Structure formats: C-alpha cells, structure tokens
C-alpha cells in the first residue's frame, strides 16, 4: 500500500513539474516574441 501511494505521489509530482516546464517554455516564447517586435520597431525607427 505504501508503495502504491508512493508511486502515485511521484506521478503527481512529475505531472506538476511538466506543467511548470511547459509554462516556462511558453513564457520564454512570448518573451522572445516581444523582444523580436521591440527589436524590429527599434530597427525600423532607426531606418526611418
């Protein structure tokens, strides 16, 4: 029984870690996009 609950808890913890990882990736992508837009705006402004 202890092993069963121990395994179940490990799975739950692993699932939580995966969610955090995906969220971090999405956040990074959003941040990267924002940076890209900012850079393009800066470059366009400099060109003008």
ModelCIF file with pLDDT and N, C-alpha, C, O atoms, coordinates in Angstrom:
data_MODEL
#
_entry.id   MODEL 
#
_entity.id                         1 
_entity.type                       polymer 
_entity.pdbx_number_of_molecules   1 
#
_entity_poly.entity_id                      1 
_entity_poly.type                           'polypeptide(L)' 
_entity_poly.nstd_linkage                   no 
_entity_poly.nstd_monomer                   no 
_entity_poly.pdbx_seq_one_letter_code       
;(UNK)(UNK)(UNK)(UNK)(UNK)(UNK)(UNK)(UNK)(UNK)(UNK)(UNK)(UNK)(UNK)(UNK)(UNK)(UNK)
(UNK)(UNK)(UNK)(UNK)(UNK)(UNK)(UNK)(UNK)(UNK)(UNK)(UNK)(UNK)(UNK)(UNK)(UNK)(UNK)
(UNK)(UNK)(UNK)(UNK)(UNK)(UNK)(UNK)(UNK)(UNK)(UNK)(UNK)(UNK)(UNK)(UNK)(UNK)(UNK)
;
_entity_poly.pdbx_seq_one_letter_code_can   XXXXXXXXXXXXXXXXXXXXXXXXXXXXXXXXXXXXXXXXXXXXXXXX 
_entity_poly.pdbx_strand_id                 A 
#
loop_
_entity_poly_seq.entity_id 
_entity_poly_seq.num 
_entity_poly_seq.mon_id 
_entity_poly_seq.hetero 
1 1  UNK n 
1 2  UNK n 
1 3  UNK n 
1 4  UNK n 
1 5  UNK n 
1 6  UNK n 
1 7  UNK n 
1 8  UNK n 
1 9  UNK n 
1 10 UNK n 
1 11 UNK n 
1 12 UNK n 
1 13 UNK n 
1 14 UNK n 
1 15 UNK n 
1 16 UNK n 
1 17 UNK n 
1 18 UNK n 
1 19 UNK n 
1 20 UNK n 
1 21 UNK n 
1 22 UNK n 
1 23 UNK n 
1 24 UNK n 
1 25 UNK n 
1 26 UNK n 
1 27 UNK n 
1 28 UNK n 
1 29 UNK n 
1 30 UNK n 
1 31 UNK n 
1 32 UNK n 
1 33 UNK n 
1 34 UNK n 
1 35 UNK n 
1 36 UNK n 
1 37 UNK n 
1 38 UNK n 
1 39 UNK n 
1 40 UNK n 
1 41 UNK n 
1 42 UNK n 
1 43 UNK n 
1 44 UNK n 
1 45 UNK n 
1 46 UNK n 
1 47 UNK n 
1 48 UNK n 
#
_struct_asym.id          A 
_struct_asym.entity_id   1 
#
loop_
_ma_qa_metric.id 
_ma_qa_metric.mode 
_ma_qa_metric.name 
_ma_qa_metric.software_group_id 
_ma_qa_metric.type 
1 global pLDDT . pLDDT 
2 local  pLDDT . pLDDT 
#
_ma_qa_metric_global.metric_id      1 
_ma_qa_metric_global.metric_value   41.83 
_ma_qa_metric_global.model_id       1 
_ma_qa_metric_global.ordinal_id     1 
#
loop_
_ma_qa_metric_local.label_asym_id 
_ma_qa_metric_local.label_comp_id 
_ma_qa_metric_local.label_seq_id 
_ma_qa_metric_local.metric_id 
_ma_qa_metric_local.metric_value 
_ma_qa_metric_local.model_id 
_ma_qa_metric_local.ordinal_id 
A UNK 1  2 39.00 1 1  
A UNK 2  2 41.00 1 2  
A UNK 3  2 42.00 1 3  
A UNK 4  2 36.00 1 4  
A UNK 5  2 36.00 1 5  
A UNK 6  2 41.00 1 6  
A UNK 7  2 38.00 1 7  
A UNK 8  2 38.00 1 8  
A UNK 9  2 42.00 1 9  
A UNK 10 2 41.00 1 10 
A UNK 11 2 41.00 1 11 
A UNK 12 2 42.00 1 12 
A UNK 13 2 45.00 1 13 
A UNK 14 2 46.00 1 14 
A UNK 15 2 44.00 1 15 
A UNK 16 2 45.00 1 16 
A UNK 17 2 46.00 1 17 
A UNK 18 2 45.00 1 18 
A UNK 19 2 45.00 1 19 
A UNK 20 2 42.00 1 20 
A UNK 21 2 43.00 1 21 
A UNK 22 2 43.00 1 22 
A UNK 23 2 45.00 1 23 
A UNK 24 2 46.00 1 24 
A UNK 25 2 42.00 1 25 
A UNK 26 2 41.00 1 26 
A UNK 27 2 42.00 1 27 
A UNK 28 2 43.00 1 28 
A UNK 29 2 41.00 1 29 
A UNK 30 2 39.00 1 30 
A UNK 31 2 42.00 1 31 
A UNK 32 2 42.00 1 32 
A UNK 33 2 45.00 1 33 
A UNK 34 2 42.00 1 34 
A UNK 35 2 40.00 1 35 
A UNK 36 2 43.00 1 36 
A UNK 37 2 41.00 1 37 
A UNK 38 2 41.00 1 38 
A UNK 39 2 38.00 1 39 
A UNK 40 2 45.00 1 40 
A UNK 41 2 42.00 1 41 
A UNK 42 2 38.00 1 42 
A UNK 43 2 40.00 1 43 
A UNK 44 2 43.00 1 44 
A UNK 45 2 41.00 1 45 
A UNK 46 2 45.00 1 46 
A UNK 47 2 42.00 1 47 
A UNK 48 2 38.00 1 48 
#
loop_
_atom_site.group_PDB 
_atom_site.id 
_atom_site.type_symbol 
_atom_site.label_atom_id 
_atom_site.label_alt_id 
_atom_site.label_comp_id 
_atom_site.label_asym_id 
_atom_site.label_entity_id 
_atom_site.label_seq_id 
_atom_site.pdbx_PDB_ins_code 
_atom_site.Cartn_x 
_atom_site.Cartn_y 
_atom_site.Cartn_z 
_atom_site.occupancy 
_atom_site.B_iso_or_equiv 
_atom_site.pdbx_formal_charge 
_atom_site.auth_seq_id 
_atom_site.auth_comp_id 
_atom_site.auth_asym_id 
_atom_site.auth_atom_id 
_atom_site.pdbx_PDB_model_num 
ATOM 1   N N  . UNK A 1 1  ? 0.819  -1.194 0.000   1.00 39.00 ? 1  UNK A N  1 
ATOM 2   C CA . UNK A 1 1  ? 0.000  0.000  0.000   1.00 39.00 ? 1  UNK A CA 1 
ATOM 3   C C  . UNK A 1 1  ? 0.854  1.245  0.000   1.00 39.00 ? 1  UNK A C  1 
ATOM 4   O O  . UNK A 1 1  ? 0.574  2.205  -0.718  1.00 39.00 ? 1  UNK A O  1 
ATOM 5   N N  . UNK A 1 2  ? 1.928  1.225  0.834   1.00 41.00 ? 2  UNK A N  1 
ATOM 6   C CA . UNK A 1 2  ? 2.837  2.369  0.876   1.00 41.00 ? 2  UNK A CA 1 
ATOM 7   C C  . UNK A 1 2  ? 3.489  2.568  -0.459  1.00 41.00 ? 2  UNK A C  1 
ATOM 8   O O  . UNK A 1 2  ? 3.664  3.704  -0.899  1.00 41.00 ? 2  UNK A O  1 
ATOM 9   N N  . UNK A 1 3  ? 3.846  1.520  -1.100  1.00 42.00 ? 3  UNK A N  1 
ATOM 10  C CA . UNK A 1 3  ? 4.466  1.630  -2.427  1.00 42.00 ? 3  UNK A CA 1 
ATOM 11  C C  . UNK A 1 3  ? 3.501  2.230  -3.440  1.00 42.00 ? 3  UNK A C  1 
ATOM 12  O O  . UNK A 1 3  ? 3.884  3.037  -4.288  1.00 42.00 ? 3  UNK A O  1 
ATOM 13  N N  . UNK A 1 4  ? 2.224  1.813  -3.331  1.00 36.00 ? 4  UNK A N  1 
ATOM 14  C CA . UNK A 1 4  ? 1.208  2.313  -4.256  1.00 36.00 ? 4  UNK A CA 1 
ATOM 15  C C  . UNK A 1 4  ? 1.045  3.810  -4.115  1.00 36.00 ? 4  UNK A C  1 
ATOM 16  O O  . UNK A 1 4  ? 1.090  4.554  -5.095  1.00 36.00 ? 4  UNK A O  1 
ATOM 17  N N  . UNK A 1 5  ? 0.852  4.247  -2.856  1.00 36.00 ? 5  UNK A N  1 
ATOM 18  C CA . UNK A 1 5  ? 0.728  5.690  -2.613  1.00 36.00 ? 5  UNK A CA 1 
ATOM 19  C C  . UNK A 1 5  ? 1.998  6.419  -2.929  1.00 36.00 ? 5  UNK A C  1 
ATOM 20  O O  . UNK A 1 5  ? 1.940  7.569  -3.364  1.00 36.00 ? 5  UNK A O  1 
ATOM 21  N N  . UNK A 1 6  ? 3.134  5.817  -2.736  1.00 41.00 ? 6  UNK A N  1 
ATOM 22  C CA . UNK A 1 6  ? 4.417  6.463  -3.066  1.00 41.00 ? 6  UNK A CA 1 
ATOM 23  C C  . UNK A 1 6  ? 4.549  6.667  -4.562  1.00 41.00 ? 6  UNK A C  1 
ATOM 24  O O  . UNK A 1 6  ? 5.018  7.714  -5.009  1.00 41.00 ? 6  UNK A O  1 
ATOM 25  N N  . UNK A 1 7  ? 4.141  5.678  -5.338  1.00 38.00 ? 7  UNK A N  1 
ATOM 26  C CA . UNK A 1 7  ? 4.167  5.804  -6.791  1.00 38.00 ? 7  UNK A CA 1 
ATOM 27  C C  . UNK A 1 7  ? 3.200  6.868  -7.293  1.00 38.00 ? 7  UNK A C  1 
ATOM 28  O O  . UNK A 1 7  ? 3.516  7.644  -8.194  1.00 38.00 ? 7  UNK A O  1 
ATOM 29  N N  . UNK A 1 8  ? 2.027  6.887  -6.697  1.00 38.00 ? 8  UNK A N  1 
ATOM 30  C CA . UNK A 1 8  ? 1.014  7.849  -7.085  1.00 38.00 ? 8  UNK A CA 1 
ATOM 31  C C  . UNK A 1 8  ? 1.486  9.265  -6.818  1.00 38.00 ? 8  UNK A C  1 
ATOM 32  O O  . UNK A 1 8  ? 1.253  10.163 -7.626  1.00 38.00 ? 8  UNK A O  1 
ATOM 33  N N  . UNK A 1 9  ? 2.134  9.464  -5.713  1.00 42.00 ? 9  UNK A N  1 
ATOM 34  C CA . UNK A 1 9  ? 2.637  10.787 -5.353  1.00 42.00 ? 9  UNK A CA 1 
ATOM 35  C C  . UNK A 1 9  ? 3.759  11.199 -6.305  1.00 42.00 ? 9  UNK A C  1 
ATOM 36  O O  . UNK A 1 9  ? 3.861  12.374 -6.658  1.00 42.00 ? 9  UNK A O  1 
ATOM 37  N N  . UNK A 1 10 ? 4.575  10.287 -6.712  1.00 41.00 ? 10 UNK A N  1 
ATOM 38  C CA . UNK A 1 10 ? 5.656  10.583 -7.650  1.00 41.00 ? 10 UNK A CA 1 
ATOM 39  C C  . UNK A 1 10 ? 5.097  11.030 -9.005  1.00 41.00 ? 10 UNK A C  1 
ATOM 40  O O  . UNK A 1 10 ? 5.592  11.971 -9.625  1.00 41.00 ? 10 UNK A O  1 
ATOM 41  N N  . UNK A 1 11 ? 4.035  10.311 -9.446  1.00 41.00 ? 11 UNK A N  1 
ATOM 42  C CA . UNK A 1 11 ? 3.409  10.679 -10.720 1.00 41.00 ? 11 UNK A CA 1 
ATOM 43  C C  . UNK A 1 11 ? 2.824  12.079 -10.648 1.00 41.00 ? 11 UNK A C  1 
ATOM 44  O O  . UNK A 1 11 ? 2.969  12.857 -11.591 1.00 41.00 ? 11 UNK A O  1 
ATOM 45  N N  . UNK A 1 12 ? 2.183  12.403 -9.575  1.00 42.00 ? 12 UNK A N  1 
ATOM 46  C CA . UNK A 1 12 ? 1.570  13.710 -9.405  1.00 42.00 ? 12 UNK A CA 1 
ATOM 47  C C  . UNK A 1 12 ? 2.634  14.779 -9.396  1.00 42.00 ? 12 UNK A C  1 
ATOM 48  O O  . UNK A 1 12 ? 2.461  15.846 -9.985  1.00 42.00 ? 12 UNK A O  1 
ATOM 49  N N  . UNK A 1 13 ? 3.740  14.493 -8.725  1.00 45.00 ? 13 UNK A N  1 
ATOM 50  C CA . UNK A 1 13 ? 4.813  15.477 -8.664  1.00 45.00 ? 13 UNK A CA 1 
ATOM 51  C C  . UNK A 1 13 ? 5.438  15.683 -10.064 1.00 45.00 ? 13 UNK A C  1 
ATOM 52  O O  . UNK A 1 13 ? 5.757  16.801 -10.469 1.00 45.00 ? 13 UNK A O  1 
ATOM 53  N N  . UNK A 1 14 ? 5.595  14.550 -10.781 1.00 46.00 ? 14 UNK A N  1 
ATOM 54  C CA . UNK A 1 14 ? 6.177  14.619 -12.122 1.00 46.00 ? 14 UNK A CA 1 
ATOM 55  C C  . UNK A 1 14 ? 5.284  15.428 -13.064 1.00 46.00 ? 14 UNK A C  1 
ATOM 56  O O  . UNK A 1 14 ? 5.765  16.202 -13.892 1.00 46.00 ? 14 UNK A O  1 
ATOM 57  N N  . UNK A 1 15 ? 3.959  15.226 -12.914 1.00 44.00 ? 15 UNK A N  1 
ATOM 58  C CA . UNK A 1 15 ? 2.983  15.943 -13.761 1.00 44.00 ? 15 UNK A CA 1 
ATOM 59  C C  . UNK A 1 15 ? 3.053  17.433 -13.462 1.00 44.00 ? 15 UNK A C  1 
ATOM 60  O O  . UNK A 1 15 ? 2.928  18.246 -14.378 1.00 44.00 ? 15 UNK A O  1 
ATOM 61  N N  . UNK A 1 16 ? 3.242  17.794 -12.255 1.00 45.00 ? 16 UNK A N  1 
ATOM 62  C CA . UNK A 1 16 ? 3.339  19.200 -11.854 1.00 45.00 ? 16 UNK A CA 1 
ATOM 63  C C  . UNK A 1 16 ? 4.599  19.821 -12.398 1.00 45.00 ? 16 UNK A C  1 
ATOM 64  O O  . UNK A 1 16 ? 4.590  20.967 -12.847 1.00 45.00 ? 16 UNK A O  1 
ATOM 65  N N  . UNK A 1 17 ? 5.679  19.075 -12.361 1.00 46.00 ? 17 UNK A N  1 
ATOM 66  C CA . UNK A 1 17 ? 6.951  19.586 -12.896 1.00 46.00 ? 17 UNK A CA 1 
ATOM 67  C C  . UNK A 1 17 ? 6.849  19.825 -14.398 1.00 46.00 ? 17 UNK A C  1 
ATOM 68  O O  . UNK A 1 17 ? 7.361  20.805 -14.938 1.00 46.00 ? 17 UNK A O  1 
ATOM 69  N N  . UNK A 1 18 ? 6.146  18.861 -15.065 1.00 45.00 ? 18 UNK A N  1 
ATOM 70  C CA . UNK A 1 18 ? 5.973  19.030 -16.536 1.00 45.00 ? 18 UNK A CA 1 
ATOM 71  C C  . UNK A 1 18 ? 5.178  20.286 -16.855 1.00 45.00 ? 18 UNK A C  1 
ATOM 72  O O  . UNK A 1 18 ? 5.508  21.006 -17.798 1.00 45.00 ? 18 UNK A O  1 
ATOM 73  N N  . UNK A 1 19 ? 4.130  20.557 -16.076 1.00 45.00 ? 19 UNK A N  1 
ATOM 74  C CA . UNK A 1 19 ? 3.307  21.749 -16.294 1.00 45.00 ? 19 UNK A CA 1 
ATOM 75  C C  . UNK A 1 19 ? 4.121  23.009 -16.125 1.00 45.00 ? 19 UNK A C  1 
ATOM 76  O O  . UNK A 1 19 ? 3.999  23.969 -16.885 1.00 45.00 ? 19 UNK A O  1 
ATOM 77  N N  . UNK A 1 20 ? 4.970  22.973 -15.089 1.00 42.00 ? 20 UNK A N  1 
ATOM 78  C CA . UNK A 1 20 ? 5.817  24.154 -14.852 1.00 42.00 ? 20 UNK A CA 1 
ATOM 79  C C  . UNK A 1 20 ? 6.769  24.369 -16.024 1.00 42.00 ? 20 UNK A C  1 
ATOM 80  O O  . UNK A 1 20 ? 7.012  25.499 -16.447 1.00 42.00 ? 20 UNK A O  1 
ATOM 81  N N  . UNK A 1 21 ? 7.314  23.239 -16.548 1.00 43.00 ? 21 UNK A N  1 
ATOM 82  C CA . UNK A 1 21 ? 8.254  23.331 -17.672 1.00 43.00 ? 21 UNK A CA 1 
ATOM 83  C C  . UNK A 1 21 ? 7.588  23.912 -18.909 1.00 43.00 ? 21 UNK A C  1 
ATOM 84  O O  . UNK A 1 21 ? 8.145  24.791 -19.566 1.00 43.00 ? 21 UNK A O  1 
ATOM 85  N N  . UNK A 1 22 ? 6.400  23.422 -19.224 1.00 43.00 ? 22 UNK A N  1 
ATOM 86  C CA . UNK A 1 22 ? 5.668  23.910 -20.415 1.00 43.00 ? 22 UNK A CA 1 
ATOM 87  C C  . UNK A 1 22 ? 5.344  25.379 -20.272 1.00 43.00 ? 22 UNK A C  1 
ATOM 88  O O  . UNK A 1 22 ? 5.484  26.164 -21.210 1.00 43.00 ? 22 UNK A O  1 
ATOM 89  N N  . UNK A 1 23 ? 4.903  25.737 -19.060 1.00 45.00 ? 23 UNK A N  1 
ATOM 90  C CA . UNK A 1 23 ? 4.593  27.156 -18.830 1.00 45.00 ? 23 UNK A CA 1 
ATOM 91  C C  . UNK A 1 23 ? 5.807  28.025 -19.018 1.00 45.00 ? 23 UNK A C  1 
ATOM 92  O O  . UNK A 1 23 ? 5.729  29.126 -19.564 1.00 45.00 ? 23 UNK A O  1 
ATOM 93  N N  . UNK A 1 24 ? 6.939  27.513 -18.554 1.00 46.00 ? 24 UNK A N  1 
ATOM 94  C CA . UNK A 1 24 ? 8.185  28.291 -18.700 1.00 46.00 ? 24 UNK A CA 1 
ATOM 95  C C  . UNK A 1 24 ? 8.543  28.468 -20.167 1.00 46.00 ? 24 UNK A C  1 
ATOM 96  O O  . UNK A 1 24 ? 8.961  29.539 -20.608 1.00 46.00 ? 24 UNK A O  1 
ATOM 97  N N  . UNK A 1 25 ? 8.361  27.359 -20.918 1.00 42.00 ? 25 UNK A N  1 
ATOM 98  C CA . UNK A 1 25 ? 8.666  27.437 -22.371 1.00 42.00 ? 25 UNK A CA 1 
ATOM 99  C C  . UNK A 1 25 ? 7.784  28.461 -23.059 1.00 42.00 ? 25 UNK A C  1 
ATOM 100 O O  . UNK A 1 25 ? 8.265  29.275 -23.847 1.00 42.00 ? 25 UNK A O  1 
ATOM 101 N N  . UNK A 1 26 ? 6.482  28.420 -22.759 1.00 41.00 ? 26 UNK A N  1 
ATOM 102 C CA . UNK A 1 26 ? 5.532  29.361 -23.375 1.00 41.00 ? 26 UNK A CA 1 
ATOM 103 C C  . UNK A 1 26 ? 5.900  30.794 -23.014 1.00 41.00 ? 26 UNK A C  1 
ATOM 104 O O  . UNK A 1 26 ? 5.870  31.695 -23.852 1.00 41.00 ? 26 UNK A O  1 
ATOM 105 N N  . UNK A 1 27 ? 6.252  30.979 -21.734 1.00 42.00 ? 27 UNK A N  1 
ATOM 106 C CA . UNK A 1 27 ? 6.634  32.308 -21.277 1.00 42.00 ? 27 UNK A CA 1 
ATOM 107 C C  . UNK A 1 27 ? 7.877  32.798 -22.019 1.00 42.00 ? 27 UNK A C  1 
ATOM 108 O O  . UNK A 1 27 ? 7.990  33.965 -22.392 1.00 42.00 ? 27 UNK A O  1 
ATOM 109 N N  . UNK A 1 28 ? 8.802  31.860 -22.216 1.00 43.00 ? 28 UNK A N  1 
ATOM 110 C CA . UNK A 1 28 ? 10.023 32.223 -22.953 1.00 43.00 ? 28 UNK A CA 1 
ATOM 111 C C  . UNK A 1 28 ? 9.708  32.627 -24.391 1.00 43.00 ? 28 UNK A C  1 
ATOM 112 O O  . UNK A 1 28 ? 10.248 33.591 -24.933 1.00 43.00 ? 28 UNK A O  1 
ATOM 113 N N  . UNK A 1 29 ? 8.804  31.839 -24.984 1.00 41.00 ? 29 UNK A N  1 
ATOM 114 C CA . UNK A 1 29 ? 8.427  32.149 -26.380 1.00 41.00 ? 29 UNK A CA 1 
ATOM 115 C C  . UNK A 1 29 ? 7.763  33.512 -26.481 1.00 41.00 ? 29 UNK A C  1 
ATOM 116 O O  . UNK A 1 29 ? 8.065  34.293 -27.383 1.00 41.00 ? 29 UNK A O  1 
ATOM 117 N N  . UNK A 1 30 ? 6.862  33.794 -25.557 1.00 39.00 ? 30 UNK A N  1 
ATOM 118 C CA . UNK A 1 30 ? 6.168  35.093 -25.544 1.00 39.00 ? 30 UNK A CA 1 
ATOM 119 C C  . UNK A 1 30 ? 7.176  36.211 -25.355 1.00 39.00 ? 30 UNK A C  1 
ATOM 120 O O  . UNK A 1 30 ? 7.141  37.235 -26.037 1.00 39.00 ? 30 UNK A O  1 
ATOM 121 N N  . UNK A 1 31 ? 8.071  35.984 -24.413 1.00 42.00 ? 31 UNK A N  1 
ATOM 122 C CA . UNK A 1 31 ? 9.097  36.999 -24.146 1.00 42.00 ? 31 UNK A CA 1 
ATOM 123 C C  . UNK A 1 31 ? 9.964  37.234 -25.377 1.00 42.00 ? 31 UNK A C  1 
ATOM 124 O O  . UNK A 1 31 ? 10.267 38.370 -25.740 1.00 42.00 ? 31 UNK A O  1 
ATOM 125 N N  . UNK A 1 32 ? 10.366 36.094 -26.030 1.00 42.00 ? 32 UNK A N  1 
ATOM 126 C CA . UNK A 1 32 ? 11.191 36.200 -27.232 1.00 42.00 ? 32 UNK A CA 1 
ATOM 127 C C  . UNK A 1 32 ? 10.476 36.966 -28.338 1.00 42.00 ? 32 UNK A C  1 
ATOM 128 O O  . UNK A 1 32 ? 11.071 37.783 -29.041 1.00 42.00 ? 32 UNK A O  1 
ATOM 129 N N  . UNK A 1 33 ? 9.153  36.674 -28.475 1.00 45.00 ? 33 UNK A N  1 
ATOM 130 C CA . UNK A 1 33 ? 8.366  37.395 -29.487 1.00 45.00 ? 33 UNK A CA 1 
ATOM 131 C C  . UNK A 1 33 ? 8.321  38.876 -29.211 1.00 45.00 ? 33 UNK A C  1 
ATOM 132 O O  . UNK A 1 33 ? 8.457  39.712 -30.105 1.00 45.00 ? 33 UNK A O  1 
ATOM 133 N N  . UNK A 1 34 ? 8.126  39.173 -27.946 1.00 42.00 ? 34 UNK A N  1 
ATOM 134 C CA . UNK A 1 34 ? 8.053  40.584 -27.566 1.00 42.00 ? 34 UNK A CA 1 
ATOM 135 C C  . UNK A 1 34 ? 9.369  41.278 -27.852 1.00 42.00 ? 34 UNK A C  1 
ATOM 136 O O  . UNK A 1 34 ? 9.412  42.395 -28.367 1.00 42.00 ? 34 UNK A O  1 
ATOM 137 N N  . UNK A 1 35 ? 10.455 40.575 -27.499 1.00 40.00 ? 35 UNK A N  1 
ATOM 138 C CA . UNK A 1 35 ? 11.780 41.153 -27.761 1.00 40.00 ? 35 UNK A CA 1 
ATOM 139 C C  . UNK A 1 35 ? 11.987 41.384 -29.260 1.00 40.00 ? 35 UNK A C  1 
ATOM 140 O O  . UNK A 1 35 ? 12.515 42.409 -29.690 1.00 40.00 ? 35 UNK A O  1 
ATOM 141 N N  . UNK A 1 36 ? 11.542 40.368 -30.050 1.00 43.00 ? 36 UNK A N  1 
ATOM 142 C CA . UNK A 1 36 ? 11.684 40.478 -31.518 1.00 43.00 ? 36 UNK A CA 1 
ATOM 143 C C  . UNK A 1 36 ? 10.944 41.685 -32.051 1.00 43.00 ? 36 UNK A C  1 
ATOM 144 O O  . UNK A 1 36 ? 11.476 42.454 -32.851 1.00 43.00 ? 36 UNK A O  1 
ATOM 145 N N  . UNK A 1 37 ? 9.685  41.847 -31.588 1.00 41.00 ? 37 UNK A N  1 
ATOM 146 C CA . UNK A 1 37 ? 8.879  43.000 -32.025 1.00 41.00 ? 37 UNK A CA 1 
ATOM 147 C C  . UNK A 1 37 ? 9.562  44.290 -31.636 1.00 41.00 ? 37 UNK A C  1 
ATOM 148 O O  . UNK A 1 37 ? 9.619  45.234 -32.424 1.00 41.00 ? 37 UNK A O  1 
ATOM 149 N N  . UNK A 1 38 ? 10.077 44.331 -30.427 1.00 41.00 ? 38 UNK A N  1 
ATOM 150 C CA . UNK A 1 38 ? 10.765 45.534 -29.965 1.00 41.00 ? 38 UNK A CA 1 
ATOM 151 C C  . UNK A 1 38 ? 11.979 45.845 -30.819 1.00 41.00 ? 38 UNK A C  1 
ATOM 152 O O  . UNK A 1 38 ? 12.221 46.985 -31.214 1.00 41.00 ? 38 UNK A O  1 
ATOM 153 N N  . UNK A 1 39 ? 12.745 44.772 -31.094 1.00 38.00 ? 39 UNK A N  1 
ATOM 154 C CA . UNK A 1 39 ? 13.927 44.976 -31.924 1.00 38.00 ? 39 UNK A CA 1 
ATOM 155 C C  . UNK A 1 39 ? 13.565 45.471 -33.317 1.00 38.00 ? 39 UNK A C  1 
ATOM 156 O O  . UNK A 1 39 ? 14.216 46.366 -33.857 1.00 38.00 ? 39 UNK A O  1 
ATOM 157 N N  . UNK A 1 40 ? 12.501 44.870 -33.904 1.00 45.00 ? 40 UNK A N  1 
ATOM 158 C CA . UNK A 1 40 ? 12.064 45.291 -35.246 1.00 45.00 ? 40 UNK A CA 1 
ATOM 159 C C  . UNK A 1 40 ? 11.627 46.750 -35.228 1.00 45.00 ? 40 UNK A C  1 
ATOM 160 O O  . UNK A 1 40 ? 11.937 47.515 -36.141 1.00 45.00 ? 40 UNK A O  1 
ATOM 161 N N  . UNK A 1 41 ? 10.905 47.121 -34.179 1.00 42.00 ? 41 UNK A N  1 
ATOM 162 C CA . UNK A 1 41 ? 10.448 48.511 -34.045 1.00 42.00 ? 41 UNK A CA 1 
ATOM 163 C C  . UNK A 1 41 ? 11.626 49.451 -33.959 1.00 42.00 ? 41 UNK A C  1 
ATOM 164 O O  . UNK A 1 41 ? 11.655 50.508 -34.588 1.00 42.00 ? 41 UNK A O  1 
ATOM 165 N N  . UNK A 1 42 ? 12.624 49.030 -33.143 1.00 38.00 ? 42 UNK A N  1 
ATOM 166 C CA . UNK A 1 42 ? 13.815 49.858 -32.999 1.00 38.00 ? 42 UNK A CA 1 
ATOM 167 C C  . UNK A 1 42 ? 14.540 50.006 -34.321 1.00 38.00 ? 42 UNK A C  1 
ATOM 168 O O  . UNK A 1 42 ? 14.910 51.105 -34.734 1.00 38.00 ? 42 UNK A O  1 
ATOM 169 N N  . UNK A 1 43 ? 14.740 48.820 -35.001 1.00 40.00 ? 43 UNK A N  1 
ATOM 170 C CA . UNK A 1 43 ? 15.439 48.867 -36.288 1.00 40.00 ? 43 UNK A CA 1 
ATOM 171 C C  . UNK A 1 43 ? 14.687 49.717 -37.314 1.00 40.00 ? 43 UNK A C  1 
ATOM 172 O O  . UNK A 1 43 ? 15.297 50.488 -38.054 1.00 40.00 ? 43 UNK A O  1 
ATOM 173 N N  . UNK A 1 44 ? 13.339 49.570 -37.352 1.00 43.00 ? 44 UNK A N  1 
ATOM 174 C CA . UNK A 1 44 ? 12.523 50.349 -38.289 1.00 43.00 ? 44 UNK A CA 1 
ATOM 175 C C  . UNK A 1 44 ? 12.641 51.832 -37.992 1.00 43.00 ? 44 UNK A C  1 
ATOM 176 O O  . UNK A 1 44 ? 12.758 52.651 -38.904 1.00 43.00 ? 44 UNK A O  1 
ATOM 177 N N  . UNK A 1 45 ? 12.609 52.167 -36.727 1.00 41.00 ? 45 UNK A N  1 
ATOM 178 C CA . UNK A 1 45 ? 12.730 53.571 -36.309 1.00 41.00 ? 45 UNK A CA 1 
ATOM 179 C C  . UNK A 1 45 ? 14.084 54.114 -36.731 1.00 41.00 ? 45 UNK A C  1 
ATOM 180 O O  . UNK A 1 45 ? 14.202 55.233 -37.231 1.00 41.00 ? 45 UNK A O  1 
ATOM 181 N N  . UNK A 1 46 ? 15.136 53.261 -36.508 1.00 45.00 ? 46 UNK A N  1 
ATOM 182 C CA . UNK A 1 46 ? 16.475 53.705 -36.895 1.00 45.00 ? 46 UNK A CA 1 
ATOM 183 C C  . UNK A 1 46 ? 16.564 53.894 -38.406 1.00 45.00 ? 46 UNK A C  1 
ATOM 184 O O  . UNK A 1 46 ? 17.211 54.828 -38.879 1.00 45.00 ? 46 UNK A O  1 
ATOM 185 N N  . UNK A 1 47 ? 15.909 53.001 -39.170 1.00 42.00 ? 47 UNK A N  1 
ATOM 186 C CA . UNK A 1 47 ? 15.938 53.102 -40.639 1.00 42.00 ? 47 UNK A CA 1 
ATOM 187 C C  . UNK A 1 47 ? 15.251 54.372 -41.096 1.00 42.00 ? 47 UNK A C  1 
ATOM 188 O O  . UNK A 1 47 ? 15.758 55.099 -41.950 1.00 42.00 ? 47 UNK A O  1 
ATOM 189 N N  . UNK A 1 48 ? 14.076 54.633 -40.507 1.00 38.00 ? 48 UNK A N  1 
ATOM 190 C CA . UNK A 1 48 ? 13.343 55.856 -40.859 1.00 38.00 ? 48 UNK A CA 1 
ATOM 191 C C  . UNK A 1 48 ? 14.163 57.073 -40.501 1.00 38.00 ? 48 UNK A C  1 
ATOM 192 O O  . UNK A 1 48 ? 13.720 58.201 -40.719 1.00 38.00 ? 48 UNK A O  1 
#
